[in-house]
Amino acid sequence: MGLIEELHAAKKKSPMGNGKINFFKYMHEIEEALNQGYTAMDIWTLLHNKGELQIKYNQFSVYVRKYIKEKNDE
């Protein structure tokens, strides 16, 4: 297998980008939990410990601000 093919195969296996995809998968539940008074840290900790969200908390909080909080401020 050549270099390009190996790079292409490695990119398909890479989890990069899966964090945002998984965030969107749970976005409505995250929003509902926030509305019920749970903190972003509580939500991230649970999803991270379950292996459902493999991003760091700071990136999670960016997604919460960008896709949930700003949407609600409109």
PDB file of N, CA and C in Angstrom:
ATOM      1  N   MET A   1       0.854  -1.176   0.000  1.00  0.00           N
ATOM      2  CA  MET A   1       0.000   0.000   0.000  1.00  0.00           C
ATOM      3  C   MET A   1       0.894   1.232   0.000  1.00  0.00           C
ATOM      4  N   GLY A   2       0.550   2.190  -0.846  1.00  0.00           N
ATOM      5  CA  GLY A   2       1.346   3.405  -0.946  1.00  0.00           C
ATOM      6  C   GLY A   2       1.037   4.389   0.167  1.00  0.00           C
ATOM      7  N   LEU A   3       1.857   5.416   0.235  1.00  0.00           N
ATOM      8  CA  LEU A   3       1.735   6.424   1.279  1.00  0.00           C
ATOM      9  C   LEU A   3       0.350   7.082   1.266  1.00  0.00           C
ATOM     10  N   ILE A   4      -0.115   7.478   0.096  1.00  0.00           N
ATOM     11  CA  ILE A   4      -1.414   8.155  -0.003  1.00  0.00           C
ATOM     12  C   ILE A   4      -2.535   7.240   0.481  1.00  0.00           C
ATOM     13  N   GLU A   5      -2.497   5.991   0.084  1.00  0.00           N
ATOM     14  CA  GLU A   5      -3.529   5.050   0.511  1.00  0.00           C
ATOM     15  C   GLU A   5      -3.495   4.852   2.025  1.00  0.00           C
ATOM     16  N   GLU A   6      -2.285   4.765   2.593  1.00  0.00           N
ATOM     17  CA  GLU A   6      -2.150   4.599   4.035  1.00  0.00           C
ATOM     18  C   GLU A   6      -2.669   5.822   4.784  1.00  0.00           C
ATOM     19  N   LEU A   7      -2.350   7.011   4.270  1.00  0.00           N
ATOM     20  CA  LEU A   7      -2.842   8.236   4.890  1.00  0.00           C
ATOM     21  C   LEU A   7      -4.367   8.298   4.828  1.00  0.00           C
ATOM     22  N   HIS A   8      -4.920   7.929   3.694  1.00  0.00           N
ATOM     23  CA  HIS A   8      -6.370   7.935   3.532  1.00  0.00           C
ATOM     24  C   HIS A   8      -7.029   6.946   4.498  1.00  0.00           C
ATOM     25  N   ALA A   9      -6.470   5.759   4.634  1.00  0.00           N
ATOM     26  CA  ALA A   9      -7.010   4.744   5.540  1.00  0.00           C
ATOM     27  C   ALA A   9      -6.896   5.211   6.997  1.00  0.00           C
ATOM     28  N   ALA A  10      -5.765   5.842   7.342  1.00  0.00           N
ATOM     29  CA  ALA A  10      -5.563   6.323   8.707  1.00  0.00           C
ATOM     30  C   ALA A  10      -6.549   7.440   9.032  1.00  0.00           C
ATOM     31  N   LYS A  11      -6.821   8.304   8.067  1.00  0.00           N
ATOM     32  CA  LYS A  11      -7.756   9.404   8.294  1.00  0.00           C
ATOM     33  C   LYS A  11      -9.165   8.880   8.547  1.00  0.00           C
ATOM     34  N   LYS A  12      -9.554   7.828   7.856  1.00  0.00           N
ATOM     35  CA  LYS A  12     -10.879   7.238   8.069  1.00  0.00           C
ATOM     36  C   LYS A  12     -11.017   6.679   9.482  1.00  0.00           C
ATOM     37  N   LYS A  13      -9.927   6.168  10.043  1.00  0.00           N
ATOM     38  CA  LYS A  13      -9.948   5.579  11.376  1.00  0.00           C
ATOM     39  C   LYS A  13      -9.803   6.630  12.473  1.00  0.00           C
ATOM     40  N   SER A  14      -9.362   7.820  12.107  1.00  0.00           N
ATOM     41  CA  SER A  14      -9.073   8.866  13.083  1.00  0.00           C
ATOM     42  C   SER A  14     -10.342   9.356  13.772  1.00  0.00           C
ATOM     43  N   PRO A  15     -10.275   9.534  15.099  1.00  0.00           N
ATOM     44  CA  PRO A  15     -11.440  10.047  15.819  1.00  0.00           C
ATOM     45  C   PRO A  15     -11.609  11.559  15.690  1.00  0.00           C
ATOM     46  N   MET A  16     -10.684  12.244  15.004  1.00  0.00           N
ATOM     47  CA  MET A  16     -10.794  13.684  14.857  1.00  0.00           C
ATOM     48  C   MET A  16     -12.108  14.029  14.178  1.00  0.00           C
ATOM     49  N   GLY A  17     -12.831  14.955  14.742  1.00  0.00           N
ATOM     50  CA  GLY A  17     -14.117  15.335  14.195  1.00  0.00           C
ATOM     51  C   GLY A  17     -15.267  14.572  14.805  1.00  0.00           C
ATOM     52  N   ASN A  18     -14.976  13.438  15.418  1.00  0.00           N
ATOM     53  CA  ASN A  18     -16.037  12.654  16.051  1.00  0.00           C
ATOM     54  C   ASN A  18     -16.594  13.349  17.287  1.00  0.00           C
ATOM     55  N   GLY A  19     -15.812  14.202  17.914  1.00  0.00           N
ATOM     56  CA  GLY A  19     -16.285  14.916  19.096  1.00  0.00           C
ATOM     57  C   GLY A  19     -17.470  15.795  18.775  1.00  0.00           C
ATOM     58  N   LYS A  20     -17.369  16.551  17.693  1.00  0.00           N
ATOM     59  CA  LYS A  20     -18.467  17.429  17.301  1.00  0.00           C
ATOM     60  C   LYS A  20     -19.671  16.602  16.862  1.00  0.00           C
ATOM     61  N   ILE A  21     -19.418  15.532  16.136  1.00  0.00           N
ATOM     62  CA  ILE A  21     -20.515  14.657  15.698  1.00  0.00           C
ATOM     63  C   ILE A  21     -21.244  14.091  16.909  1.00  0.00           C
ATOM     64  N   ASN A  22     -20.489  13.614  17.884  1.00  0.00           N
ATOM     65  CA  ASN A  22     -21.109  13.054  19.087  1.00  0.00           C
ATOM     66  C   ASN A  22     -21.804  14.130  19.914  1.00  0.00           C
ATOM     67  N   PHE A  23     -21.251  15.341  19.917  1.00  0.00           N
ATOM     68  CA  PHE A  23     -21.923  16.436  20.609  1.00  0.00           C
ATOM     69  C   PHE A  23     -23.291  16.676  19.977  1.00  0.00           C
ATOM     70  N   PHE A  24     -23.331  16.733  18.647  1.00  0.00           N
ATOM     71  CA  PHE A  24     -24.610  16.952  17.959  1.00  0.00           C
ATOM     72  C   PHE A  24     -25.587  15.806  18.223  1.00  0.00           C
ATOM     73  N   LYS A  25     -25.054  14.611  18.367  1.00  0.00           N
ATOM     74  CA  LYS A  25     -25.900  13.446  18.658  1.00  0.00           C
ATOM     75  C   LYS A  25     -26.664  13.638  19.976  1.00  0.00           C
ATOM     76  N   TYR A  26     -26.017  14.260  20.944  1.00  0.00           N
ATOM     77  CA  TYR A  26     -26.603  14.459  22.268  1.00  0.00           C
ATOM     78  C   TYR A  26     -27.075  15.891  22.519  1.00  0.00           C
ATOM     79  N   MET A  27     -27.014  16.756  21.516  1.00  0.00           N
ATOM     80  CA  MET A  27     -27.238  18.185  21.727  1.00  0.00           C
ATOM     81  C   MET A  27     -28.588  18.502  22.378  1.00  0.00           C
ATOM     82  N   HIS A  28     -29.655  17.878  21.913  1.00  0.00           N
ATOM     83  CA  HIS A  28     -30.973  18.189  22.486  1.00  0.00           C
ATOM     84  C   HIS A  28     -31.068  17.728  23.939  1.00  0.00           C
ATOM     85  N   GLU A  29     -30.468  16.588  24.244  1.00  0.00           N
ATOM     86  CA  GLU A  29     -30.457  16.115  25.624  1.00  0.00           C
ATOM     87  C   GLU A  29     -29.578  17.000  26.501  1.00  0.00           C
ATOM     88  N   ILE A  30     -28.465  17.474  25.954  1.00  0.00           N
ATOM     89  CA  ILE A  30     -27.591  18.385  26.689  1.00  0.00           C
ATOM     90  C   ILE A  30     -28.349  19.675  26.997  1.00  0.00           C
ATOM     91  N   GLU A  31     -29.035  20.201  25.988  1.00  0.00           N
ATOM     92  CA  GLU A  31     -29.810  21.433  26.175  1.00  0.00           C
ATOM     93  C   GLU A  31     -30.893  21.244  27.240  1.00  0.00           C
ATOM     94  N   GLU A  32     -31.582  20.134  27.184  1.00  0.00           N
ATOM     95  CA  GLU A  32     -32.625  19.853  28.163  1.00  0.00           C
ATOM     96  C   GLU A  32     -32.043  19.744  29.569  1.00  0.00           C
ATOM     97  N   ALA A  33     -30.911  19.076  29.711  1.00  0.00           N
ATOM     98  CA  ALA A  33     -30.265  18.933  31.020  1.00  0.00           C
ATOM     99  C   ALA A  33     -29.826  20.298  31.555  1.00  0.00           C
ATOM    100  N   LEU A  34     -29.287  21.149  30.682  1.00  0.00           N
ATOM    101  CA  LEU A  34     -28.895  22.498  31.100  1.00  0.00           C
ATOM    102  C   LEU A  34     -30.114  23.281  31.569  1.00  0.00           C
ATOM    103  N   ASN A  35     -31.211  23.157  30.849  1.00  0.00           N
ATOM    104  CA  ASN A  35     -32.449  23.856  31.222  1.00  0.00           C
ATOM    105  C   ASN A  35     -33.006  23.364  32.550  1.00  0.00           C
ATOM    106  N   GLN A  36     -32.694  22.131  32.915  1.00  0.00           N
ATOM    107  CA  GLN A  36     -33.157  21.573  34.183  1.00  0.00           C
ATOM    108  C   GLN A  36     -32.196  21.868  35.334  1.00  0.00           C
ATOM    109  N   GLY A  37     -31.136  22.609  35.054  1.00  0.00           N
ATOM    110  CA  GLY A  37     -30.243  23.055  36.113  1.00  0.00           C
ATOM    111  C   GLY A  37     -28.950  22.294  36.267  1.00  0.00           C
ATOM    112  N   TYR A  38     -28.707  21.288  35.444  1.00  0.00           N
ATOM    113  CA  TYR A  38     -27.429  20.578  35.510  1.00  0.00           C
ATOM    114  C   TYR A  38     -26.353  21.454  34.895  1.00  0.00           C
ATOM    115  N   THR A  39     -25.146  21.345  35.396  1.00  0.00           N
ATOM    116  CA  THR A  39     -24.055  22.143  34.859  1.00  0.00           C
ATOM    117  C   THR A  39     -23.443  21.449  33.645  1.00  0.00           C
ATOM    118  N   ALA A  40     -22.774  22.251  32.829  1.00  0.00           N
ATOM    119  CA  ALA A  40     -22.076  21.698  31.675  1.00  0.00           C
ATOM    120  C   ALA A  40     -21.032  20.685  32.127  1.00  0.00           C
ATOM    121  N   MET A  41     -20.397  20.946  33.266  1.00  0.00           N
ATOM    122  CA  MET A  41     -19.383  20.019  33.791  1.00  0.00           C
ATOM    123  C   MET A  41     -20.014  18.686  34.174  1.00  0.00           C
ATOM    124  N   ASP A  42     -21.200  18.723  34.797  1.00  0.00           N
ATOM    125  CA  ASP A  42     -21.904  17.475  35.149  1.00  0.00           C
ATOM    126  C   ASP A  42     -22.182  16.648  33.898  1.00  0.00           C
ATOM    127  N   ILE A  43     -22.685  17.311  32.869  1.00  0.00           N
ATOM    128  CA  ILE A  43     -23.060  16.631  31.631  1.00  0.00           C
ATOM    129  C   ILE A  43     -21.833  16.066  30.937  1.00  0.00           C
ATOM    130  N   TRP A  44     -20.792  16.894  30.806  1.00  0.00           N
ATOM    131  CA  TRP A  44     -19.568  16.446  30.151  1.00  0.00           C
ATOM    132  C   TRP A  44     -18.959  15.264  30.905  1.00  0.00           C
ATOM    133  N   THR A  45     -18.912  15.352  32.229  1.00  0.00           N
ATOM    134  CA  THR A  45     -18.308  14.288  33.032  1.00  0.00           C
ATOM    135  C   THR A  45     -19.021  12.963  32.791  1.00  0.00           C
ATOM    136  N   LEU A  46     -20.343  12.991  32.817  1.00  0.00           N
ATOM    137  CA  LEU A  46     -21.104  11.768  32.598  1.00  0.00           C
ATOM    138  C   LEU A  46     -20.844  11.191  31.209  1.00  0.00           C
ATOM    139  N   LEU A  47     -20.957  12.031  30.176  1.00  0.00           N
ATOM    140  CA  LEU A  47     -20.762  11.549  28.801  1.00  0.00           C
ATOM    141  C   LEU A  47     -19.318  11.102  28.566  1.00  0.00           C
ATOM    142  N   HIS A  48     -18.378  11.829  29.146  1.00  0.00           N
ATOM    143  CA  HIS A  48     -16.963  11.483  28.980  1.00  0.00           C
ATOM    144  C   HIS A  48     -16.639  10.160  29.670  1.00  0.00           C
ATOM    145  N   ASN A  49     -17.132   9.976  30.882  1.00  0.00           N
ATOM    146  CA  ASN A  49     -16.863   8.739  31.631  1.00  0.00           C
ATOM    147  C   ASN A  49     -17.510   7.527  30.970  1.00  0.00           C
ATOM    148  N   LYS A  50     -18.651   7.738  30.300  1.00  0.00           N
ATOM    149  CA  LYS A  50     -19.311   6.642  29.582  1.00  0.00           C
ATOM    150  C   LYS A  50     -18.619   6.341  28.257  1.00  0.00           C
ATOM    151  N   GLY A  51     -17.681   7.197  27.840  1.00  0.00           N
ATOM    152  CA  GLY A  51     -16.985   7.004  26.574  1.00  0.00           C
ATOM    153  C   GLY A  51     -17.768   7.519  25.383  1.00  0.00           C
ATOM    154  N   GLU A  52     -18.829   8.255  25.637  1.00  0.00           N
ATOM    155  CA  GLU A  52     -19.666   8.781  24.559  1.00  0.00           C
ATOM    156  C   GLU A  52     -19.112  10.066  23.964  1.00  0.00           C
ATOM    157  N   LEU A  53     -18.283  10.771  24.725  1.00  0.00           N
ATOM    158  CA  LEU A  53     -17.763  12.062  24.289  1.00  0.00           C
ATOM    159  C   LEU A  53     -16.285  12.126  24.619  1.00  0.00           C
ATOM    160  N   GLN A  54     -15.457  11.957  23.620  1.00  0.00           N
ATOM    161  CA  GLN A  54     -14.015  11.904  23.837  1.00  0.00           C
ATOM    162  C   GLN A  54     -13.345  13.230  23.500  1.00  0.00           C
ATOM    163  N   ILE A  55     -13.942  14.320  23.952  1.00  0.00           N
ATOM    164  CA  ILE A  55     -13.315  15.634  23.785  1.00  0.00           C
ATOM    165  C   ILE A  55     -13.062  16.197  25.174  1.00  0.00           C
ATOM    166  N   LYS A  56     -12.164  17.161  25.237  1.00  0.00           N
ATOM    167  CA  LYS A  56     -11.863  17.785  26.516  1.00  0.00           C
ATOM    168  C   LYS A  56     -12.995  18.730  26.900  1.00  0.00           C
ATOM    169  N   TYR A  57     -13.078  19.026  28.189  1.00  0.00           N
ATOM    170  CA  TYR A  57     -14.159  19.871  28.685  1.00  0.00           C
ATOM    171  C   TYR A  57     -14.158  21.238  28.015  1.00  0.00           C
ATOM    172  N   ASN A  58     -12.980  21.823  27.812  1.00  0.00           N
ATOM    173  CA  ASN A  58     -12.964  23.164  27.220  1.00  0.00           C
ATOM    174  C   ASN A  58     -13.591  23.168  25.828  1.00  0.00           C
ATOM    175  N   GLN A  59     -13.388  22.134  25.039  1.00  0.00           N
ATOM    176  CA  GLN A  59     -14.006  22.063  23.713  1.00  0.00           C
ATOM    177  C   GLN A  59     -15.514  21.848  23.851  1.00  0.00           C
ATOM    178  N   PHE A  60     -15.913  21.026  24.806  1.00  0.00           N
ATOM    179  CA  PHE A  60     -17.331  20.811  25.073  1.00  0.00           C
ATOM    180  C   PHE A  60     -18.007  22.138  25.408  1.00  0.00           C
ATOM    181  N   SER A  61     -17.371  22.940  26.255  1.00  0.00           N
ATOM    182  CA  SER A  61     -17.977  24.213  26.655  1.00  0.00           C
ATOM    183  C   SER A  61     -18.059  25.185  25.477  1.00  0.00           C
ATOM    184  N   VAL A  62     -17.103  25.119  24.557  1.00  0.00           N
ATOM    185  CA  VAL A  62     -17.178  25.938  23.339  1.00  0.00           C
ATOM    186  C   VAL A  62     -18.404  25.529  22.534  1.00  0.00           C
ATOM    187  N   TYR A  63     -18.612  24.236  22.360  1.00  0.00           N
ATOM    188  CA  TYR A  63     -19.778  23.753  21.617  1.00  0.00           C
ATOM    189  C   TYR A  63     -21.087  24.158  22.307  1.00  0.00           C
ATOM    190  N   VAL A  64     -21.124  24.083  23.636  1.00  0.00           N
ATOM    191  CA  VAL A  64     -22.328  24.473  24.372  1.00  0.00           C
ATOM    192  C   VAL A  64     -22.630  25.943  24.118  1.00  0.00           C
ATOM    193  N   ARG A  65     -21.605  26.795  24.233  1.00  0.00           N
ATOM    194  CA  ARG A  65     -21.803  28.228  23.990  1.00  0.00           C
ATOM    195  C   ARG A  65     -22.246  28.495  22.559  1.00  0.00           C
ATOM    196  N   LYS A  66     -21.566  27.865  21.623  1.00  0.00           N
ATOM    197  CA  LYS A  66     -21.803  28.154  20.207  1.00  0.00           C
ATOM    198  C   LYS A  66     -23.129  27.601  19.694  1.00  0.00           C
ATOM    199  N   TYR A  67     -23.463  26.390  20.065  1.00  0.00           N
ATOM    200  CA  TYR A  67     -24.610  25.727  19.461  1.00  0.00           C
ATOM    201  C   TYR A  67     -25.865  25.695  20.344  1.00  0.00           C
ATOM    202  N   ILE A  68     -25.721  25.977  21.629  1.00  0.00           N
ATOM    203  CA  ILE A  68     -26.897  25.954  22.501  1.00  0.00           C
ATOM    204  C   ILE A  68     -27.186  27.335  23.074  1.00  0.00           C
ATOM    205  N   LYS A  69     -26.217  27.920  23.743  1.00  0.00           N
ATOM    206  CA  LYS A  69     -26.446  29.211  24.412  1.00  0.00           C
ATOM    207  C   LYS A  69     -26.733  30.319  23.409  1.00  0.00           C
ATOM    208  N   GLU A  70     -25.933  30.425  22.339  1.00  0.00           N
ATOM    209  CA  GLU A  70     -26.147  31.478  21.349  1.00  0.00           C
ATOM    210  C   GLU A  70     -27.471  31.295  20.621  1.00  0.00           C
ATOM    211  N   LYS A  71     -27.865  30.056  20.385  1.00  0.00           N
ATOM    212  CA  LYS A  71     -29.140  29.772  19.735  1.00  0.00           C
ATOM    213  C   LYS A  71     -30.295  30.263  20.602  1.00  0.00           C
ATOM    214  N   ASN A  72     -30.178  30.068  21.909  1.00  0.00           N
ATOM    215  CA  ASN A  72     -31.224  30.477  22.839  1.00  0.00           C
ATOM    216  C   ASN A  72     -31.251  31.990  23.056  1.00  0.00           C
ATOM    217  N   ASP A  73     -30.131  32.662  22.798  1.00  0.00           N
ATOM    218  CA  ASP A  73     -30.068  34.111  22.963  1.00  0.00           C
ATOM    219  C   ASP A  73     -30.710  34.862  21.800  1.00  0.00           C
ATOM    220  N   GLU A  74     -30.953  34.166  20.706  1.00  0.00           N
ATOM    221  CA  GLU A  74     -31.518  34.835  19.532  1.00  0.00           C
ATOM    222  C   GLU A  74     -32.969  35.167  19.705  1.00  0.00           C
TER     223      GLU A  74
END
